[in-house]
Amino acid sequence: MSRKAKGFGFSVIGIVLFALSFFVLLPVDGMYLASLVIMFGGVVLVGIGGAMAKGIDKSLDTSVGECYFCKGTGKIPGVKGPETCPRCGGTGKARSDD
């Protein structure tokens, strides 16, 4: 099963959990807290599933190339001496959108 299909499945399961919890459990006395926890789980599943289906979760990996702005050192020359590179945040590694 592909990541897109799994992501879509997670999203559908999250929507069903949220809807059932909202319309079935929430009106029942004594089930308020359980309903809120299940709704939270449903929303998390929708978010994770959407990220997997769109392929956004793959872009969260850090790249291993060096930053072109600081040449991999993490520092750039500044007015009062070396400063942290604004492009890589001082890590020296290239961003995924570079």
PDB file of N, CA and C in Angstrom:
ATOM      1  N   MET A   1       0.848  -1.177   0.000  1.00  0.00           N
ATOM      2  CA  MET A   1       0.000   0.000   0.000  1.00  0.00           C
ATOM      3  C   MET A   1       0.893   1.240   0.000  1.00  0.00           C
ATOM      4  N   SER A   2       0.602   2.184  -0.849  1.00  0.00           N
ATOM      5  CA  SER A   2       1.435   3.375  -0.975  1.00  0.00           C
ATOM      6  C   SER A   2       1.182   4.357   0.168  1.00  0.00           C
ATOM      7  N   ARG A   3       2.109   5.290   0.309  1.00  0.00           N
ATOM      8  CA  ARG A   3       1.964   6.291   1.377  1.00  0.00           C
ATOM      9  C   ARG A   3       0.747   7.173   1.142  1.00  0.00           C
ATOM     10  N   LYS A   4       0.438   7.462  -0.129  1.00  0.00           N
ATOM     11  CA  LYS A   4      -0.741   8.282  -0.413  1.00  0.00           C
ATOM     12  C   LYS A   4      -2.007   7.577   0.027  1.00  0.00           C
ATOM     13  N   ALA A   5      -2.095   6.282  -0.250  1.00  0.00           N
ATOM     14  CA  ALA A   5      -3.283   5.525   0.130  1.00  0.00           C
ATOM     15  C   ALA A   5      -3.398   5.417   1.647  1.00  0.00           C
ATOM     16  N   LYS A   6      -2.279   5.183   2.320  1.00  0.00           N
ATOM     17  CA  LYS A   6      -2.300   5.126   3.777  1.00  0.00           C
ATOM     18  C   LYS A   6      -2.709   6.474   4.368  1.00  0.00           C
ATOM     19  N   GLY A   7      -2.173   7.544   3.807  1.00  0.00           N
ATOM     20  CA  GLY A   7      -2.513   8.884   4.289  1.00  0.00           C
ATOM     21  C   GLY A   7      -3.982   9.192   4.104  1.00  0.00           C
ATOM     22  N   PHE A   8      -4.518   8.812   2.943  1.00  0.00           N
ATOM     23  CA  PHE A   8      -5.943   9.027   2.705  1.00  0.00           C
ATOM     24  C   PHE A   8      -6.769   8.205   3.688  1.00  0.00           C
ATOM     25  N   GLY A   9      -6.345   6.982   3.948  1.00  0.00           N
ATOM     26  CA  GLY A   9      -7.052   6.127   4.906  1.00  0.00           C
ATOM     27  C   GLY A   9      -7.035   6.717   6.307  1.00  0.00           C
ATOM     28  N   PHE A  10      -5.871   7.218   6.735  1.00  0.00           N
ATOM     29  CA  PHE A  10      -5.786   7.867   8.044  1.00  0.00           C
ATOM     30  C   PHE A  10      -6.727   9.071   8.126  1.00  0.00           C
ATOM     31  N   SER A  11      -6.792   9.843   7.063  1.00  0.00           N
ATOM     32  CA  SER A  11      -7.671  11.013   7.050  1.00  0.00           C
ATOM     33  C   SER A  11      -9.133  10.608   7.169  1.00  0.00           C
ATOM     34  N   VAL A  12      -9.527   9.584   6.435  1.00  0.00           N
ATOM     35  CA  VAL A  12     -10.916   9.128   6.482  1.00  0.00           C
ATOM     36  C   VAL A  12     -11.250   8.587   7.868  1.00  0.00           C
ATOM     37  N   ILE A  13     -10.342   7.800   8.449  1.00  0.00           N
ATOM     38  CA  ILE A  13     -10.576   7.272   9.794  1.00  0.00           C
ATOM     39  C   ILE A  13     -10.682   8.415  10.800  1.00  0.00           C
ATOM     40  N   GLY A  14      -9.838   9.422  10.678  1.00  0.00           N
ATOM     41  CA  GLY A  14      -9.893  10.574  11.570  1.00  0.00           C
ATOM     42  C   GLY A  14     -11.194  11.340  11.448  1.00  0.00           C
ATOM     43  N   ILE A  15     -11.684  11.516  10.225  1.00  0.00           N
ATOM     44  CA  ILE A  15     -12.952  12.227  10.025  1.00  0.00           C
ATOM     45  C   ILE A  15     -14.107  11.439  10.628  1.00  0.00           C
ATOM     46  N   VAL A  16     -14.104  10.115  10.429  1.00  0.00           N
ATOM     47  CA  VAL A  16     -15.174   9.272  10.986  1.00  0.00           C
ATOM     48  C   VAL A  16     -15.130   9.301  12.517  1.00  0.00           C
ATOM     49  N   LEU A  17     -13.931   9.172  13.103  1.00  0.00           N
ATOM     50  CA  LEU A  17     -13.806   9.235  14.564  1.00  0.00           C
ATOM     51  C   LEU A  17     -14.306  10.568  15.108  1.00  0.00           C
ATOM     52  N   PHE A  18     -13.901  11.646  14.463  1.00  0.00           N
ATOM     53  CA  PHE A  18     -14.338  12.963  14.924  1.00  0.00           C
ATOM     54  C   PHE A  18     -15.851  13.111  14.852  1.00  0.00           C
ATOM     55  N   ALA A  19     -16.435  12.720  13.723  1.00  0.00           N
ATOM     56  CA  ALA A  19     -17.877  12.864  13.550  1.00  0.00           C
ATOM     57  C   ALA A  19     -18.656  11.993  14.539  1.00  0.00           C
ATOM     58  N   LEU A  20     -18.248  10.743  14.712  1.00  0.00           N
ATOM     59  CA  LEU A  20     -18.942   9.866  15.660  1.00  0.00           C
ATOM     60  C   LEU A  20     -18.828  10.395  17.088  1.00  0.00           C
ATOM     61  N   SER A  21     -17.648  10.850  17.447  1.00  0.00           N
ATOM     62  CA  SER A  21     -17.453  11.382  18.781  1.00  0.00           C
ATOM     63  C   SER A  21     -18.285  12.643  19.004  1.00  0.00           C
ATOM     64  N   PHE A  22     -18.341  13.484  17.998  1.00  0.00           N
ATOM     65  CA  PHE A  22     -19.074  14.746  18.129  1.00  0.00           C
ATOM     66  C   PHE A  22     -20.589  14.527  18.201  1.00  0.00           C
ATOM     67  N   PHE A  23     -21.107  13.668  17.326  1.00  0.00           N
ATOM     68  CA  PHE A  23     -22.558  13.507  17.246  1.00  0.00           C
ATOM     69  C   PHE A  23     -23.110  12.401  18.136  1.00  0.00           C
ATOM     70  N   VAL A  24     -22.283  11.415  18.525  1.00  0.00           N
ATOM     71  CA  VAL A  24     -22.796  10.298  19.312  1.00  0.00           C
ATOM     72  C   VAL A  24     -22.367  10.397  20.776  1.00  0.00           C
ATOM     73  N   LEU A  25     -21.066  10.571  21.029  1.00  0.00           N
ATOM     74  CA  LEU A  25     -20.578  10.553  22.409  1.00  0.00           C
ATOM     75  C   LEU A  25     -20.747  11.870  23.151  1.00  0.00           C
ATOM     76  N   LEU A  26     -20.604  12.965  22.486  1.00  0.00           N
ATOM     77  CA  LEU A  26     -20.666  14.263  23.151  1.00  0.00           C
ATOM     78  C   LEU A  26     -22.004  14.516  23.842  1.00  0.00           C
ATOM     79  N   PRO A  27     -23.142  14.183  23.247  1.00  0.00           N
ATOM     80  CA  PRO A  27     -24.417  14.420  23.936  1.00  0.00           C
ATOM     81  C   PRO A  27     -24.679  13.492  25.132  1.00  0.00           C
ATOM     82  N   VAL A  28     -23.969  12.379  25.252  1.00  0.00           N
ATOM     83  CA  VAL A  28     -24.188  11.420  26.342  1.00  0.00           C
ATOM     84  C   VAL A  28     -23.584  11.961  27.627  1.00  0.00           C
ATOM     85  N   ASP A  29     -24.377  11.934  28.727  1.00  0.00           N
ATOM     86  CA  ASP A  29     -23.877  12.398  30.023  1.00  0.00           C
ATOM     87  C   ASP A  29     -22.743  11.509  30.499  1.00  0.00           C
ATOM     88  N   GLY A  30     -21.680  12.097  30.993  1.00  0.00           N
ATOM     89  CA  GLY A  30     -20.549  11.362  31.514  1.00  0.00           C
ATOM     90  C   GLY A  30     -19.519  10.975  30.469  1.00  0.00           C
ATOM     91  N   MET A  31     -19.757  11.239  29.224  1.00  0.00           N
ATOM     92  CA  MET A  31     -18.816  10.881  28.161  1.00  0.00           C
ATOM     93  C   MET A  31     -18.138  12.106  27.549  1.00  0.00           C
ATOM     94  N   TYR A  32     -18.262  13.253  28.215  1.00  0.00           N
ATOM     95  CA  TYR A  32     -17.731  14.499  27.670  1.00  0.00           C
ATOM     96  C   TYR A  32     -16.213  14.426  27.479  1.00  0.00           C
ATOM     97  N   LEU A  33     -15.491  14.018  28.523  1.00  0.00           N
ATOM     98  CA  LEU A  33     -14.031  13.986  28.440  1.00  0.00           C
ATOM     99  C   LEU A  33     -13.549  12.946  27.429  1.00  0.00           C
ATOM    100  N   ALA A  34     -14.173  11.785  27.421  1.00  0.00           N
ATOM    101  CA  ALA A  34     -13.800  10.753  26.454  1.00  0.00           C
ATOM    102  C   ALA A  34     -14.044  11.241  25.026  1.00  0.00           C
ATOM    103  N   SER A  35     -15.151  11.945  24.843  1.00  0.00           N
ATOM    104  CA  SER A  35     -15.465  12.480  23.524  1.00  0.00           C
ATOM    105  C   SER A  35     -14.403  13.483  23.071  1.00  0.00           C
ATOM    106  N   LEU A  36     -13.971  14.339  23.975  1.00  0.00           N
ATOM    107  CA  LEU A  36     -12.941  15.323  23.613  1.00  0.00           C
ATOM    108  C   LEU A  36     -11.622  14.656  23.253  1.00  0.00           C
ATOM    109  N   VAL A  37     -11.257  13.616  23.994  1.00  0.00           N
ATOM    110  CA  VAL A  37     -10.008  12.902  23.706  1.00  0.00           C
ATOM    111  C   VAL A  37     -10.095  12.216  22.344  1.00  0.00           C
ATOM    112  N   ILE A  38     -11.223  11.609  22.036  1.00  0.00           N
ATOM    113  CA  ILE A  38     -11.400  10.936  20.744  1.00  0.00           C
ATOM    114  C   ILE A  38     -11.424  11.957  19.612  1.00  0.00           C
ATOM    115  N   MET A  39     -12.059  13.104  19.843  1.00  0.00           N
ATOM    116  CA  MET A  39     -12.046  14.152  18.813  1.00  0.00           C
ATOM    117  C   MET A  39     -10.618  14.635  18.544  1.00  0.00           C
ATOM    118  N   PHE A  40      -9.827  14.795  19.604  1.00  0.00           N
ATOM    119  CA  PHE A  40      -8.429  15.203  19.431  1.00  0.00           C
ATOM    120  C   PHE A  40      -7.672  14.166  18.607  1.00  0.00           C
ATOM    121  N   GLY A  41      -7.864  12.898  18.935  1.00  0.00           N
ATOM    122  CA  GLY A  41      -7.224  11.834  18.161  1.00  0.00           C
ATOM    123  C   GLY A  41      -7.637  11.860  16.701  1.00  0.00           C
ATOM    124  N   GLY A  42      -8.917  12.132  16.447  1.00  0.00           N
ATOM    125  CA  GLY A  42      -9.401  12.226  15.076  1.00  0.00           C
ATOM    126  C   GLY A  42      -8.751  13.365  14.311  1.00  0.00           C
ATOM    127  N   VAL A  43      -8.609  14.500  14.962  1.00  0.00           N
ATOM    128  CA  VAL A  43      -7.980  15.655  14.312  1.00  0.00           C
ATOM    129  C   VAL A  43      -6.507  15.369  14.017  1.00  0.00           C
ATOM    130  N   VAL A  44      -5.822  14.702  14.937  1.00  0.00           N
ATOM    131  CA  VAL A  44      -4.425  14.344  14.715  1.00  0.00           C
ATOM    132  C   VAL A  44      -4.309  13.383  13.533  1.00  0.00           C
ATOM    133  N   LEU A  45      -5.198  12.395  13.458  1.00  0.00           N
ATOM    134  CA  LEU A  45      -5.177  11.466  12.328  1.00  0.00           C
ATOM    135  C   LEU A  45      -5.428  12.176  11.005  1.00  0.00           C
ATOM    136  N   VAL A  46      -6.331  13.143  11.005  1.00  0.00           N
ATOM    137  CA  VAL A  46      -6.591  13.903   9.780  1.00  0.00           C
ATOM    138  C   VAL A  46      -5.341  14.678   9.369  1.00  0.00           C
ATOM    139  N   GLY A  47      -4.659  15.292  10.326  1.00  0.00           N
ATOM    140  CA  GLY A  47      -3.439  16.046  10.010  1.00  0.00           C
ATOM    141  C   GLY A  47      -2.322  15.163   9.494  1.00  0.00           C
ATOM    142  N   ILE A  48      -2.086  14.050  10.165  1.00  0.00           N
ATOM    143  CA  ILE A  48      -1.031  13.132   9.730  1.00  0.00           C
ATOM    144  C   ILE A  48      -1.374  12.529   8.374  1.00  0.00           C
ATOM    145  N   GLY A  49      -2.616  12.124   8.207  1.00  0.00           N
ATOM    146  CA  GLY A  49      -3.036  11.543   6.938  1.00  0.00           C
ATOM    147  C   GLY A  49      -2.930  12.528   5.789  1.00  0.00           C
ATOM    148  N   GLY A  50      -3.312  13.770   6.038  1.00  0.00           N
ATOM    149  CA  GLY A  50      -3.194  14.794   4.999  1.00  0.00           C
ATOM    150  C   GLY A  50      -1.751  15.051   4.619  1.00  0.00           C
ATOM    151  N   ALA A  51      -0.858  15.066   5.615  1.00  0.00           N
ATOM    152  CA  ALA A  51       0.563  15.274   5.327  1.00  0.00           C
ATOM    153  C   ALA A  51       1.128  14.105   4.530  1.00  0.00           C
ATOM    154  N   MET A  52       0.717  12.895   4.882  1.00  0.00           N
ATOM    155  CA  MET A  52       1.206  11.726   4.139  1.00  0.00           C
ATOM    156  C   MET A  52       0.654  11.711   2.721  1.00  0.00           C
ATOM    157  N   ALA A  53      -0.621  12.046   2.562  1.00  0.00           N
ATOM    158  CA  ALA A  53      -1.243  12.006   1.236  1.00  0.00           C
ATOM    159  C   ALA A  53      -0.643  13.047   0.301  1.00  0.00           C
ATOM    160  N   LYS A  54      -0.279  14.211   0.829  1.00  0.00           N
ATOM    161  CA  LYS A  54       0.297  15.262  -0.004  1.00  0.00           C
ATOM    162  C   LYS A  54       1.806  15.139  -0.141  1.00  0.00           C
ATOM    163  N   GLY A  55       2.425  14.262   0.625  1.00  0.00           N
ATOM    164  CA  GLY A  55       3.871  14.072   0.542  1.00  0.00           C
ATOM    165  C   GLY A  55       4.660  15.100   1.309  1.00  0.00           C
ATOM    166  N   ILE A  56       4.028  15.842   2.194  1.00  0.00           N
ATOM    167  CA  ILE A  56       4.721  16.880   2.952  1.00  0.00           C
ATOM    168  C   ILE A  56       5.669  16.267   3.969  1.00  0.00           C
ATOM    169  N   ASP A  57       5.318  15.114   4.514  1.00  0.00           N
ATOM    170  CA  ASP A  57       6.161  14.512   5.537  1.00  0.00           C
ATOM    171  C   ASP A  57       7.521  14.102   5.005  1.00  0.00           C
ATOM    172  N   LYS A  58       7.654  13.849   3.720  1.00  0.00           N
ATOM    173  CA  LYS A  58       8.950  13.490   3.141  1.00  0.00           C
ATOM    174  C   LYS A  58       9.881  14.696   3.095  1.00  0.00           C
ATOM    175  N   SER A  59       9.351  15.901   2.985  1.00  0.00           N
ATOM    176  CA  SER A  59      10.184  17.091   2.890  1.00  0.00           C
ATOM    177  C   SER A  59      10.685  17.552   4.246  1.00  0.00           C
ATOM    178  N   LEU A  60      10.293  16.884   5.328  1.00  0.00           N
ATOM    179  CA  LEU A  60      10.761  17.271   6.649  1.00  0.00           C
ATOM    180  C   LEU A  60      12.152  16.738   6.952  1.00  0.00           C
ATOM    181  N   ASP A  61      12.656  15.833   6.133  1.00  0.00           N
ATOM    182  CA  ASP A  61      14.002  15.302   6.317  1.00  0.00           C
ATOM    183  C   ASP A  61      15.025  16.388   6.019  1.00  0.00           C
ATOM    184  N   THR A  62      16.079  16.428   6.817  1.00  0.00           N
ATOM    185  CA  THR A  62      17.118  17.419   6.573  1.00  0.00           C
ATOM    186  C   THR A  62      18.070  16.902   5.507  1.00  0.00           C
ATOM    187  N   SER A  63      18.539  17.798   4.700  1.00  0.00           N
ATOM    188  CA  SER A  63      19.465  17.407   3.649  1.00  0.00           C
ATOM    189  C   SER A  63      20.878  17.325   4.224  1.00  0.00           C
ATOM    190  N   VAL A  64      21.759  16.685   3.493  1.00  0.00           N
ATOM    191  CA  VAL A  64      23.113  16.487   3.986  1.00  0.00           C
ATOM    192  C   VAL A  64      24.128  17.370   3.276  1.00  0.00           C
ATOM    193  N   GLY A  65      23.690  18.168   2.326  1.00  0.00           N
ATOM    194  CA  GLY A  65      24.617  19.058   1.627  1.00  0.00           C
ATOM    195  C   GLY A  65      24.997  20.231   2.498  1.00  0.00           C
ATOM    196  N   GLU A  66      26.009  20.957   2.080  1.00  0.00           N
ATOM    197  CA  GLU A  66      26.424  22.114   2.878  1.00  0.00           C
ATOM    198  C   GLU A  66      25.715  23.374   2.405  1.00  0.00           C
ATOM    199  N   CYS A  67      25.550  24.308   3.297  1.00  0.00           N
ATOM    200  CA  CYS A  67      24.885  25.579   3.023  1.00  0.00           C
ATOM    201  C   CYS A  67      25.732  26.379   2.039  1.00  0.00           C
ATOM    202  N   TYR A  68      25.084  26.914   1.009  1.00  0.00           N
ATOM    203  CA  TYR A  68      25.819  27.685   0.005  1.00  0.00           C
ATOM    204  C   TYR A  68      26.184  29.078   0.507  1.00  0.00           C
ATOM    205  N   PHE A  69      25.467  29.582   1.485  1.00  0.00           N
ATOM    206  CA  PHE A  69      25.671  30.949   1.960  1.00  0.00           C
ATOM    207  C   PHE A  69      26.922  31.054   2.840  1.00  0.00           C
ATOM    208  N   CYS A  70      27.124  30.065   3.718  1.00  0.00           N
ATOM    209  CA  CYS A  70      28.273  30.092   4.632  1.00  0.00           C
ATOM    210  C   CYS A  70      29.323  29.042   4.279  1.00  0.00           C
ATOM    211  N   LYS A  71      29.110  28.309   3.197  1.00  0.00           N
ATOM    212  CA  LYS A  71      30.022  27.246   2.734  1.00  0.00           C
ATOM    213  C   LYS A  71      30.182  26.129   3.765  1.00  0.00           C
ATOM    214  N   GLY A  72      29.139  25.899   4.577  1.00  0.00           N
ATOM    215  CA  GLY A  72      29.141  24.799   5.531  1.00  0.00           C
ATOM    216  C   GLY A  72      29.763  25.101   6.875  1.00  0.00           C
ATOM    217  N   THR A  73      30.179  26.335   7.103  1.00  0.00           N
ATOM    218  CA  THR A  73      30.818  26.659   8.383  1.00  0.00           C
ATOM    219  C   THR A  73      29.812  27.038   9.457  1.00  0.00           C
ATOM    220  N   GLY A  74      28.659  27.559   9.060  1.00  0.00           N
ATOM    221  CA  GLY A  74      27.661  28.004  10.033  1.00  0.00           C
ATOM    222  C   GLY A  74      27.862  29.438  10.472  1.00  0.00           C
ATOM    223  N   LYS A  75      28.932  30.063  10.025  1.00  0.00           N
ATOM    224  CA  LYS A  75      29.244  31.456  10.397  1.00  0.00           C
ATOM    225  C   LYS A  75      29.471  32.277   9.138  1.00  0.00           C
ATOM    226  N   ILE A  76      29.112  33.556   9.218  1.00  0.00           N
ATOM    227  CA  ILE A  76      29.371  34.505   8.145  1.00  0.00           C
ATOM    228  C   ILE A  76      30.083  35.710   8.746  1.00  0.00           C
ATOM    229  N   PRO A  77      30.851  36.437   7.946  1.00  0.00           N
ATOM    230  CA  PRO A  77      31.506  37.632   8.486  1.00  0.00           C
ATOM    231  C   PRO A  77      30.467  38.715   8.782  1.00  0.00           C
ATOM    232  N   GLY A  78      30.579  39.294   9.956  1.00  0.00           N
ATOM    233  CA  GLY A  78      29.672  40.362  10.349  1.00  0.00           C
ATOM    234  C   GLY A  78      30.426  41.630  10.677  1.00  0.00           C
ATOM    235  N   VAL A  79      29.720  42.649  11.127  1.00  0.00           N
ATOM    236  CA  VAL A  79      30.331  43.934  11.464  1.00  0.00           C
ATOM    237  C   VAL A  79      31.242  43.796  12.675  1.00  0.00           C
ATOM    238  N   LYS A  80      30.791  43.045  13.694  1.00  0.00           N
ATOM    239  CA  LYS A  80      31.576  42.897  14.926  1.00  0.00           C
ATOM    240  C   LYS A  80      32.233  41.525  15.023  1.00  0.00           C
ATOM    241  N   GLY A  81      32.445  40.865  13.917  1.00  0.00           N
ATOM    242  CA  GLY A  81      33.066  39.542  13.918  1.00  0.00           C
ATOM    243  C   GLY A  81      32.123  38.512  13.304  1.00  0.00           C
ATOM    244  N   PRO A  82      32.463  37.243  13.461  1.00  0.00           N
ATOM    245  CA  PRO A  82      31.627  36.193  12.856  1.00  0.00           C
ATOM    246  C   PRO A  82      30.229  36.152  13.485  1.00  0.00           C
ATOM    247  N   GLU A  83      29.240  35.961  12.627  1.00  0.00           N
ATOM    248  CA  GLU A  83      27.851  35.856  13.071  1.00  0.00           C
ATOM    249  C   GLU A  83      27.269  34.543  12.574  1.00  0.00           C
ATOM    250  N   THR A  84      26.192  34.133  13.202  1.00  0.00           N
ATOM    251  CA  THR A  84      25.501  32.910  12.794  1.00  0.00           C
ATOM    252  C   THR A  84      24.877  33.100  11.423  1.00  0.00           C
ATOM    253  N   CYS A  85      25.018  32.104  10.582  1.00  0.00           N
ATOM    254  CA  CYS A  85      24.476  32.165   9.224  1.00  0.00           C
ATOM    255  C   CYS A  85      22.946  32.229   9.276  1.00  0.00           C
ATOM    256  N   PRO A  86      22.330  33.218   8.626  1.00  0.00           N
ATOM    257  CA  PRO A  86      20.868  33.320   8.653  1.00  0.00           C
ATOM    258  C   PRO A  86      20.184  32.284   7.762  1.00  0.00           C
ATOM    259  N   ARG A  87      20.912  31.723   6.827  1.00  0.00           N
ATOM    260  CA  ARG A  87      20.308  30.758   5.894  1.00  0.00           C
ATOM    261  C   ARG A  87      20.152  29.384   6.535  1.00  0.00           C
ATOM    262  N   CYS A  88      21.170  28.906   7.228  1.00  0.00           N
ATOM    263  CA  CYS A  88      21.114  27.557   7.808  1.00  0.00           C
ATOM    264  C   CYS A  88      20.939  27.568   9.320  1.00  0.00           C
ATOM    265  N   GLY A  89      20.979  28.741   9.938  1.00  0.00           N
ATOM    266  CA  GLY A  89      20.819  28.827  11.385  1.00  0.00           C
ATOM    267  C   GLY A  89      22.034  28.358  12.160  1.00  0.00           C
ATOM    268  N   GLY A  90      23.197  28.318  11.514  1.00  0.00           N
ATOM    269  CA  GLY A  90      24.424  27.922  12.175  1.00  0.00           C
ATOM    270  C   GLY A  90      24.743  26.444  12.088  1.00  0.00           C
ATOM    271  N   THR A  91      23.906  25.676  11.413  1.00  0.00           N
ATOM    272  CA  THR A  91      24.156  24.231  11.305  1.00  0.00           C
ATOM    273  C   THR A  91      25.168  23.903  10.214  1.00  0.00           C
ATOM    274  N   GLY A  92      25.257  24.722   9.189  1.00  0.00           N
ATOM    275  CA  GLY A  92      26.156  24.467   8.075  1.00  0.00           C
ATOM    276  C   GLY A  92      25.558  23.525   7.028  1.00  0.00           C
ATOM    277  N   LYS A  93      24.362  23.022   7.274  1.00  0.00           N
ATOM    278  CA  LYS A  93      23.715  22.098   6.334  1.00  0.00           C
ATOM    279  C   LYS A  93      22.719  22.859   5.460  1.00  0.00           C
ATOM    280  N   ALA A  94      22.598  22.420   4.218  1.00  0.00           N
ATOM    281  CA  ALA A  94      21.697  23.074   3.276  1.00  0.00           C
ATOM    282  C   ALA A  94      20.245  22.758   3.639  1.00  0.00           C
ATOM    283  N   ARG A  95      19.377  23.692   3.364  1.00  0.00           N
ATOM    284  CA  ARG A  95      17.944  23.474   3.577  1.00  0.00           C
ATOM    285  C   ARG A  95      17.395  22.637   2.425  1.00  0.00           C
ATOM    286  N   SER A  96      16.231  22.045   2.652  1.00  0.00           N
ATOM    287  CA  SER A  96      15.654  21.171   1.626  1.00  0.00           C
ATOM    288  C   SER A  96      15.187  21.943   0.387  1.00  0.00           C
ATOM    289  N   ASP A  97      14.917  23.245   0.528  1.00  0.00           N
ATOM    290  CA  ASP A  97      14.458  24.033  -0.613  1.00  0.00           C
ATOM    291  C   ASP A  97      15.603  24.693  -1.381  1.00  0.00           C
ATOM    292  N   ASP A  98      16.838  24.402  -1.008  1.00  0.00           N
ATOM    293  CA  ASP A  98      18.002  24.948  -1.719  1.00  0.00           C
ATOM    294  C   ASP A  98      18.272  24.162  -2.981  1.00  0.00           C
TER     295      ASP A  98
END
